[in-house]
């Protein structure tokens, strides 16, 4: 590889730099599919939809908040990766291949804690993996889709629970307006301030963010 690069260019590109650039290019995909970002982003989007303010908070704010919460949730896993893989590799105590294997194990452990067995079995069958293969031996090609499906399921489940009180407010306001004969008045004009007032009074964003962080095992 180095010989080929020397022939095609004046200086050879170090493999560490090439590996770093490859990792950086895959980092956004890794962040979305192998961390807590999916569940957090889904729940925050559903909460905004339940409130009824479709443009507030803006997408950039929700994405930034989801990213910050992802860093909080993934901090122990990141510290373990740095301790077991990056630091020994920087001190040349282990090879590049060993560092990659060690770095993948904490992430695998985190994903396995969040993923249900039935999802892993489903995607293992789709990938034609051996039937007797244990969960700990499942490759990332099986574990990642199973993890994402489970995160979507949990995200929609949490979002449904958070959605129901706002639906109750919409129904109550609609029934009240019909009872008063105010057919020409749009229910969202009244229900939106009520939902915002309720959300602010109970410190909704704090409760949602705290509950999301604590929902990860």
C-alpha atoms as a PDB file:
ATOM      1  CA  UNK A   1       0.000   0.000   0.000  1.00  0.00           C
ATOM      2  CA  UNK A   2       2.748   2.436   0.948  1.00  0.00           C
ATOM      3  CA  UNK A   3       4.717   1.473  -2.169  1.00  0.00           C
ATOM      4  CA  UNK A   4       1.709   2.169  -4.356  1.00  0.00           C
ATOM      5  CA  UNK A   5       1.159   5.552  -2.757  1.00  0.00           C
ATOM      6  CA  UNK A   6       4.846   6.377  -3.203  1.00  0.00           C
ATOM      7  CA  UNK A   7       4.614   5.645  -6.878  1.00  0.00           C
ATOM      8  CA  UNK A   8       1.492   7.715  -7.418  1.00  0.00           C
ATOM      9  CA  UNK A   9       2.540  10.690  -5.323  1.00  0.00           C
ATOM     10  CA  UNK A  10       5.656  12.286  -4.020  1.00  0.00           C
ATOM     11  CA  UNK A  11       5.014  11.424  -0.387  1.00  0.00           C
ATOM     12  CA  UNK A  12       3.149   8.527   1.150  1.00  0.00           C
ATOM     13  CA  UNK A  13       0.083   9.182   3.248  1.00  0.00           C
ATOM     14  CA  UNK A  14       0.415   7.692   6.759  1.00  0.00           C
ATOM     15  CA  UNK A  15      -2.089   4.960   7.482  1.00  0.00           C
ATOM     16  CA  UNK A  16      -3.069   6.663  10.746  1.00  0.00           C
ATOM     17  CA  UNK A  17      -4.116   9.783   8.834  1.00  0.00           C
ATOM     18  CA  UNK A  18      -6.031   7.711   6.314  1.00  0.00           C
ATOM     19  CA  UNK A  19      -7.792   5.787   9.076  1.00  0.00           C
ATOM     20  CA  UNK A  20      -8.613   9.038  10.869  1.00  0.00           C
ATOM     21  CA  UNK A  21     -10.137  10.585   7.762  1.00  0.00           C
ATOM     22  CA  UNK A  22     -12.181   7.445   7.154  1.00  0.00           C
ATOM     23  CA  UNK A  23     -13.430   7.489  10.731  1.00  0.00           C
ATOM     24  CA  UNK A  24     -14.388  11.160  10.489  1.00  0.00           C
ATOM     25  CA  UNK A  25     -16.368  10.509   7.312  1.00  0.00           C
ATOM     26  CA  UNK A  26     -18.301   7.708   9.059  1.00  0.00           C
ATOM     27  CA  UNK A  27     -18.769   9.632  12.314  1.00  0.00           C
ATOM     28  CA  UNK A  28     -22.199  11.196  11.505  1.00  0.00           C
ATOM     29  CA  UNK A  29     -23.620   7.808  10.505  1.00  0.00           C
ATOM     30  CA  UNK A  30     -22.112   6.193  13.598  1.00  0.00           C
ATOM     31  CA  UNK A  31     -23.553   8.949  15.786  1.00  0.00           C
ATOM     32  CA  UNK A  32     -27.057   8.408  14.427  1.00  0.00           C
ATOM     33  CA  UNK A  33     -27.169   4.605  14.328  1.00  0.00           C
ATOM     34  CA  UNK A  34     -25.020   3.385  17.215  1.00  0.00           C
ATOM     35  CA  UNK A  35     -25.757   5.881  19.996  1.00  0.00           C
ATOM     36  CA  UNK A  36     -28.735   7.211  21.919  1.00  0.00           C
ATOM     37  CA  UNK A  37     -29.366   9.954  19.344  1.00  0.00           C
ATOM     38  CA  UNK A  38     -32.236   8.166  17.547  1.00  0.00           C
ATOM     39  CA  UNK A  39     -34.462   7.749  20.607  1.00  0.00           C
ATOM     40  CA  UNK A  40     -33.785  11.252  21.903  1.00  0.00           C
ATOM     41  CA  UNK A  41     -34.445  12.921  18.544  1.00  0.00           C
ATOM     42  CA  UNK A  42     -37.696  10.992  18.039  1.00  0.00           C
ATOM     43  CA  UNK A  43     -39.046  11.861  21.489  1.00  0.00           C
ATOM     44  CA  UNK A  44     -38.166  15.547  21.233  1.00  0.00           C
ATOM     45  CA  UNK A  45     -39.809  15.775  17.805  1.00  0.00           C
ATOM     46  CA  UNK A  46     -42.973  14.094  19.081  1.00  0.00           C
ATOM     47  CA  UNK A  47     -43.123  16.439  22.065  1.00  0.00           C
ATOM     48  CA  UNK A  48     -42.930  19.451  19.769  1.00  0.00           C
ATOM     49  CA  UNK A  49     -45.652  17.957  17.584  1.00  0.00           C
ATOM     50  CA  UNK A  50     -47.847  17.252  20.615  1.00  0.00           C
ATOM     51  CA  UNK A  51     -47.585  20.844  21.816  1.00  0.00           C
ATOM     52  CA  UNK A  52     -48.771  22.014  18.404  1.00  0.00           C
ATOM     53  CA  UNK A  53     -46.035  24.580  17.747  1.00  0.00           C
ATOM     54  CA  UNK A  54     -44.694  22.967  14.585  1.00  0.00           C
ATOM     55  CA  UNK A  55     -41.847  25.448  14.088  1.00  0.00           C
ATOM     56  CA  UNK A  56     -40.863  25.998  17.725  1.00  0.00           C
ATOM     57  CA  UNK A  57     -38.335  25.001  18.878  1.00  0.00           C
ATOM     58  CA  UNK A  58     -36.564  25.066  15.502  1.00  0.00           C
ATOM     59  CA  UNK A  59     -35.054  21.904  14.088  1.00  0.00           C
ATOM     60  CA  UNK A  60     -31.546  23.192  14.760  1.00  0.00           C
ATOM     61  CA  UNK A  61     -32.345  23.647  18.466  1.00  0.00           C
ATOM     62  CA  UNK A  62     -33.892  20.180  18.800  1.00  0.00           C
ATOM     63  CA  UNK A  63     -30.981  18.569  16.971  1.00  0.00           C
ATOM     64  CA  UNK A  64     -28.490  20.423  19.146  1.00  0.00           C
ATOM     65  CA  UNK A  65     -30.301  19.421  22.330  1.00  0.00           C
ATOM     66  CA  UNK A  66     -30.475  15.804  21.153  1.00  0.00           C
ATOM     67  CA  UNK A  67     -26.750  15.912  20.408  1.00  0.00           C
ATOM     68  CA  UNK A  68     -25.893  17.289  23.847  1.00  0.00           C
ATOM     69  CA  UNK A  69     -28.048  14.659  25.584  1.00  0.00           C
ATOM     70  CA  UNK A  70     -26.396  11.995  23.434  1.00  0.00           C
ATOM     71  CA  UNK A  71     -22.986  13.117  24.690  1.00  0.00           C
ATOM     72  CA  UNK A  72     -24.272  12.892  28.268  1.00  0.00           C
ATOM     73  CA  UNK A  73     -25.643   9.371  27.797  1.00  0.00           C
ATOM     74  CA  UNK A  74     -22.628   8.114  25.859  1.00  0.00           C
ATOM     75  CA  UNK A  75     -20.005   9.698  28.165  1.00  0.00           C
ATOM     76  CA  UNK A  76     -19.329   6.502  30.187  1.00  0.00           C
ATOM     77  CA  UNK A  77     -18.992   4.483  26.975  1.00  0.00           C
ATOM     78  CA  UNK A  78     -16.675   7.091  25.463  1.00  0.00           C
ATOM     79  CA  UNK A  79     -14.505   7.141  28.587  1.00  0.00           C
ATOM     80  CA  UNK A  80     -14.237   3.359  28.488  1.00  0.00           C
ATOM     81  CA  UNK A  81     -13.229   3.430  24.805  1.00  0.00           C
ATOM     82  CA  UNK A  82     -10.560   6.027  25.522  1.00  0.00           C
ATOM     83  CA  UNK A  83      -9.243   4.107  28.535  1.00  0.00           C
ATOM     84  CA  UNK A  84      -9.192   0.648  26.963  1.00  0.00           C
ATOM     85  CA  UNK A  85      -8.360   1.439  23.329  1.00  0.00           C
ATOM     86  CA  UNK A  86      -7.194   4.959  22.515  1.00  0.00           C
ATOM     87  CA  UNK A  87      -4.734   5.535  25.358  1.00  0.00           C
ATOM     88  CA  UNK A  88      -2.937   2.162  24.965  1.00  0.00           C
ATOM     89  CA  UNK A  89      -2.767   2.697  21.205  1.00  0.00           C
ATOM     90  CA  UNK A  90      -1.303   6.183  21.612  1.00  0.00           C
ATOM     91  CA  UNK A  91       1.376   4.705  23.873  1.00  0.00           C
ATOM     92  CA  UNK A  92       2.000   1.971  21.268  1.00  0.00           C
ATOM     93  CA  UNK A  93       1.044  -0.748  23.731  1.00  0.00           C
ATOM     94  CA  UNK A  94      -1.399  -2.395  21.320  1.00  0.00           C
ATOM     95  CA  UNK A  95      -1.718  -2.644  17.558  1.00  0.00           C
ATOM     96  CA  UNK A  96      -4.239  -0.823  15.387  1.00  0.00           C
ATOM     97  CA  UNK A  97      -6.358  -3.938  14.985  1.00  0.00           C
ATOM     98  CA  UNK A  98      -6.423  -4.552  18.735  1.00  0.00           C
ATOM     99  CA  UNK A  99      -7.387  -0.922  19.315  1.00  0.00           C
ATOM    100  CA  UNK A 100     -10.309  -1.215  16.925  1.00  0.00           C
ATOM    101  CA  UNK A 101     -11.484  -4.402  18.597  1.00  0.00           C
ATOM    102  CA  UNK A 102     -11.242  -2.876  22.046  1.00  0.00           C
ATOM    103  CA  UNK A 103     -13.010   0.296  20.901  1.00  0.00           C
ATOM    104  CA  UNK A 104     -15.903  -1.710  19.486  1.00  0.00           C
ATOM    105  CA  UNK A 105     -16.545  -3.742  22.633  1.00  0.00           C
ATOM    106  CA  UNK A 106     -17.851  -0.892  24.880  1.00  0.00           C
ATOM    107  CA  UNK A 107     -20.114   0.281  22.076  1.00  0.00           C
ATOM    108  CA  UNK A 108     -21.342  -3.277  21.558  1.00  0.00           C
ATOM    109  CA  UNK A 109     -22.065  -3.628  25.290  1.00  0.00           C
ATOM    110  CA  UNK A 110     -24.077  -0.395  25.285  1.00  0.00           C
ATOM    111  CA  UNK A 111     -26.113  -1.461  22.254  1.00  0.00           C
ATOM    112  CA  UNK A 112     -26.771  -4.923  23.689  1.00  0.00           C
ATOM    113  CA  UNK A 113     -28.142  -3.396  26.906  1.00  0.00           C
ATOM    114  CA  UNK A 114     -30.705  -1.408  24.922  1.00  0.00           C
ATOM    115  CA  UNK A 115     -31.626  -4.082  22.356  1.00  0.00           C
ATOM    116  CA  UNK A 116     -34.196  -6.818  22.766  1.00  0.00           C
ATOM    117  CA  UNK A 117     -33.322 -10.387  21.920  1.00  0.00           C
ATOM    118  CA  UNK A 118     -36.170 -10.737  19.423  1.00  0.00           C
ATOM    119  CA  UNK A 119     -34.783  -7.922  17.274  1.00  0.00           C
ATOM    120  CA  UNK A 120     -31.325  -9.492  17.169  1.00  0.00           C
ATOM    121  CA  UNK A 121     -32.836 -12.879  16.300  1.00  0.00           C
ATOM    122  CA  UNK A 122     -34.901 -11.277  13.531  1.00  0.00           C
ATOM    123  CA  UNK A 123     -31.979  -9.582  11.824  1.00  0.00           C
ATOM    124  CA  UNK A 124     -29.710 -12.574  12.396  1.00  0.00           C
ATOM    125  CA  UNK A 125     -32.242 -14.662  10.483  1.00  0.00           C
ATOM    126  CA  UNK A 126     -32.413 -12.038   7.735  1.00  0.00           C
ATOM    127  CA  UNK A 127     -28.601 -12.055   7.495  1.00  0.00           C
ATOM    128  CA  UNK A 128     -28.577 -15.889   7.458  1.00  0.00           C
ATOM    129  CA  UNK A 129     -26.451 -16.115  10.570  1.00  0.00           C
ATOM    130  CA  UNK A 130     -26.069 -19.444  12.431  1.00  0.00           C
ATOM    131  CA  UNK A 131     -29.083 -20.200  14.602  1.00  0.00           C
ATOM    132  CA  UNK A 132     -26.944 -21.123  17.638  1.00  0.00           C
ATOM    133  CA  UNK A 133     -24.874 -17.941  17.527  1.00  0.00           C
ATOM    134  CA  UNK A 134     -24.993 -16.113  20.868  1.00  0.00           C
ATOM    135  CA  UNK A 135     -26.066 -12.513  21.283  1.00  0.00           C
ATOM    136  CA  UNK A 136     -22.566 -11.469  22.306  1.00  0.00           C
ATOM    137  CA  UNK A 137     -21.195 -12.862  19.034  1.00  0.00           C
ATOM    138  CA  UNK A 138     -23.679 -11.018  16.824  1.00  0.00           C
ATOM    139  CA  UNK A 139     -21.800  -8.864  14.274  1.00  0.00           C
ATOM    140  CA  UNK A 140     -22.447  -5.154  13.933  1.00  0.00           C
ATOM    141  CA  UNK A 141     -24.316  -5.817  10.671  1.00  0.00           C
ATOM    142  CA  UNK A 142     -26.952  -7.562  12.814  1.00  0.00           C
ATOM    143  CA  UNK A 143     -26.636  -5.557  16.019  1.00  0.00           C
ATOM    144  CA  UNK A 144     -26.920  -2.062  14.491  1.00  0.00           C
ATOM    145  CA  UNK A 145     -30.301  -2.544  12.703  1.00  0.00           C
ATOM    146  CA  UNK A 146     -31.679  -4.390  15.725  1.00  0.00           C
ATOM    147  CA  UNK A 147     -30.551  -1.538  17.964  1.00  0.00           C
ATOM    148  CA  UNK A 148     -32.054   1.131  15.689  1.00  0.00           C
ATOM    149  CA  UNK A 149     -35.412  -0.686  15.472  1.00  0.00           C
ATOM    150  CA  UNK A 150     -35.525  -1.021  19.244  1.00  0.00           C
ATOM    151  CA  UNK A 151     -34.629   2.652  19.695  1.00  0.00           C
ATOM    152  CA  UNK A 152     -37.428   3.663  17.328  1.00  0.00           C
ATOM    153  CA  UNK A 153     -39.855   1.466  19.250  1.00  0.00           C
ATOM    154  CA  UNK A 154     -38.829   2.960  22.589  1.00  0.00           C
ATOM    155  CA  UNK A 155     -38.867   6.479  21.181  1.00  0.00           C
ATOM    156  CA  UNK A 156     -42.393   6.169  19.826  1.00  0.00           C
ATOM    157  CA  UNK A 157     -43.533   4.500  23.055  1.00  0.00           C
ATOM    158  CA  UNK A 158     -42.215   7.339  25.207  1.00  0.00           C
ATOM    159  CA  UNK A 159     -43.584   9.889  22.742  1.00  0.00           C
ATOM    160  CA  UNK A 160     -47.045   8.299  22.908  1.00  0.00           C
ATOM    161  CA  UNK A 161     -47.127   8.586  26.687  1.00  0.00           C
ATOM    162  CA  UNK A 162     -46.105  12.245  26.460  1.00  0.00           C
ATOM    163  CA  UNK A 163     -48.598  12.889  23.657  1.00  0.00           C
ATOM    164  CA  UNK A 164     -51.735  11.746  25.529  1.00  0.00           C
ATOM    165  CA  UNK A 165     -52.045  14.696  28.001  1.00  0.00           C
ATOM    166  CA  UNK A 166     -51.916  17.176  25.125  1.00  0.00           C
ATOM    167  CA  UNK A 167     -54.561  15.213  23.222  1.00  0.00           C
ATOM    168  CA  UNK A 168     -56.747  15.363  26.334  1.00  0.00           C
ATOM    169  CA  UNK A 169     -56.365  19.155  26.415  1.00  0.00           C
ATOM    170  CA  UNK A 170     -57.337  19.399  22.728  1.00  0.00           C
ATOM    171  CA  UNK A 171     -60.441  17.266  23.318  1.00  0.00           C
ATOM    172  CA  UNK A 172     -61.435  19.232  26.402  1.00  0.00           C
ATOM    173  CA  UNK A 173     -61.080  22.575  24.614  1.00  0.00           C
ATOM    174  CA  UNK A 174     -63.019  21.324  21.586  1.00  0.00           C
ATOM    175  CA  UNK A 175     -65.844  20.016  23.788  1.00  0.00           C
ATOM    176  CA  UNK A 176     -65.943  23.273  25.735  1.00  0.00           C
ATOM    177  CA  UNK A 177     -66.156  25.387  22.581  1.00  0.00           C
ATOM    178  CA  UNK A 178     -68.909  23.179  21.166  1.00  0.00           C
ATOM    179  CA  UNK A 179     -70.824  23.410  24.442  1.00  0.00           C
ATOM    180  CA  UNK A 180     -70.590  27.189  24.364  1.00  0.00           C
ATOM    181  CA  UNK A 181     -71.695  27.273  20.739  1.00  0.00           C
ATOM    182  CA  UNK A 182     -68.476  28.927  19.574  1.00  0.00           C
ATOM    183  CA  UNK A 183     -68.239  26.917  16.350  1.00  0.00           C
ATOM    184  CA  UNK A 184     -66.351  29.601  14.419  1.00  0.00           C
ATOM    185  CA  UNK A 185     -63.448  29.752  16.888  1.00  0.00           C
ATOM    186  CA  UNK A 186     -60.582  27.391  16.032  1.00  0.00           C
ATOM    187  CA  UNK A 187     -59.769  25.072  18.980  1.00  0.00           C
ATOM    188  CA  UNK A 188     -55.954  25.408  18.565  1.00  0.00           C
ATOM    189  CA  UNK A 189     -56.243  29.132  19.298  1.00  0.00           C
ATOM    190  CA  UNK A 190     -57.324  28.229  22.837  1.00  0.00           C
ATOM    191  CA  UNK A 191     -55.632  24.863  23.340  1.00  0.00           C
ATOM    192  CA  UNK A 192     -52.122  25.998  22.353  1.00  0.00           C
ATOM    193  CA  UNK A 193     -51.772  28.564  25.187  1.00  0.00           C
ATOM    194  CA  UNK A 194     -53.231  26.018  27.614  1.00  0.00           C
ATOM    195  CA  UNK A 195     -50.705  23.369  26.555  1.00  0.00           C
ATOM    196  CA  UNK A 196     -47.833  25.841  26.730  1.00  0.00           C
ATOM    197  CA  UNK A 197     -48.933  26.949  30.205  1.00  0.00           C
ATOM    198  CA  UNK A 198     -49.141  23.351  31.420  1.00  0.00           C
ATOM    199  CA  UNK A 199     -45.766  22.484  29.894  1.00  0.00           C
ATOM    200  CA  UNK A 200     -44.069  25.491  31.477  1.00  0.00           C
ATOM    201  CA  UNK A 201     -45.686  24.942  34.900  1.00  0.00           C
ATOM    202  CA  UNK A 202     -44.480  21.340  35.161  1.00  0.00           C
ATOM    203  CA  UNK A 203     -41.015  22.199  33.763  1.00  0.00           C
ATOM    204  CA  UNK A 204     -41.712  20.004  30.766  1.00  0.00           C
ATOM    205  CA  UNK A 205     -38.383  20.234  28.985  1.00  0.00           C
ATOM    206  CA  UNK A 206     -36.477  19.423  32.149  1.00  0.00           C
ATOM    207  CA  UNK A 207     -38.680  16.408  32.869  1.00  0.00           C
ATOM    208  CA  UNK A 208     -38.447  15.150  29.290  1.00  0.00           C
ATOM    209  CA  UNK A 209     -34.671  15.507  29.102  1.00  0.00           C
ATOM    210  CA  UNK A 210     -34.122  13.966  32.533  1.00  0.00           C
ATOM    211  CA  UNK A 211     -36.450  11.064  31.770  1.00  0.00           C
ATOM    212  CA  UNK A 212     -34.764  10.435  28.426  1.00  0.00           C
ATOM    213  CA  UNK A 213     -31.294  10.247  29.979  1.00  0.00           C
ATOM    214  CA  UNK A 214     -32.539   7.895  32.711  1.00  0.00           C
ATOM    215  CA  UNK A 215     -34.330   5.642  30.204  1.00  0.00           C
ATOM    216  CA  UNK A 216     -31.006   4.210  28.990  1.00  0.00           C
ATOM    217  CA  UNK A 217     -29.547   1.219  30.752  1.00  0.00           C
END
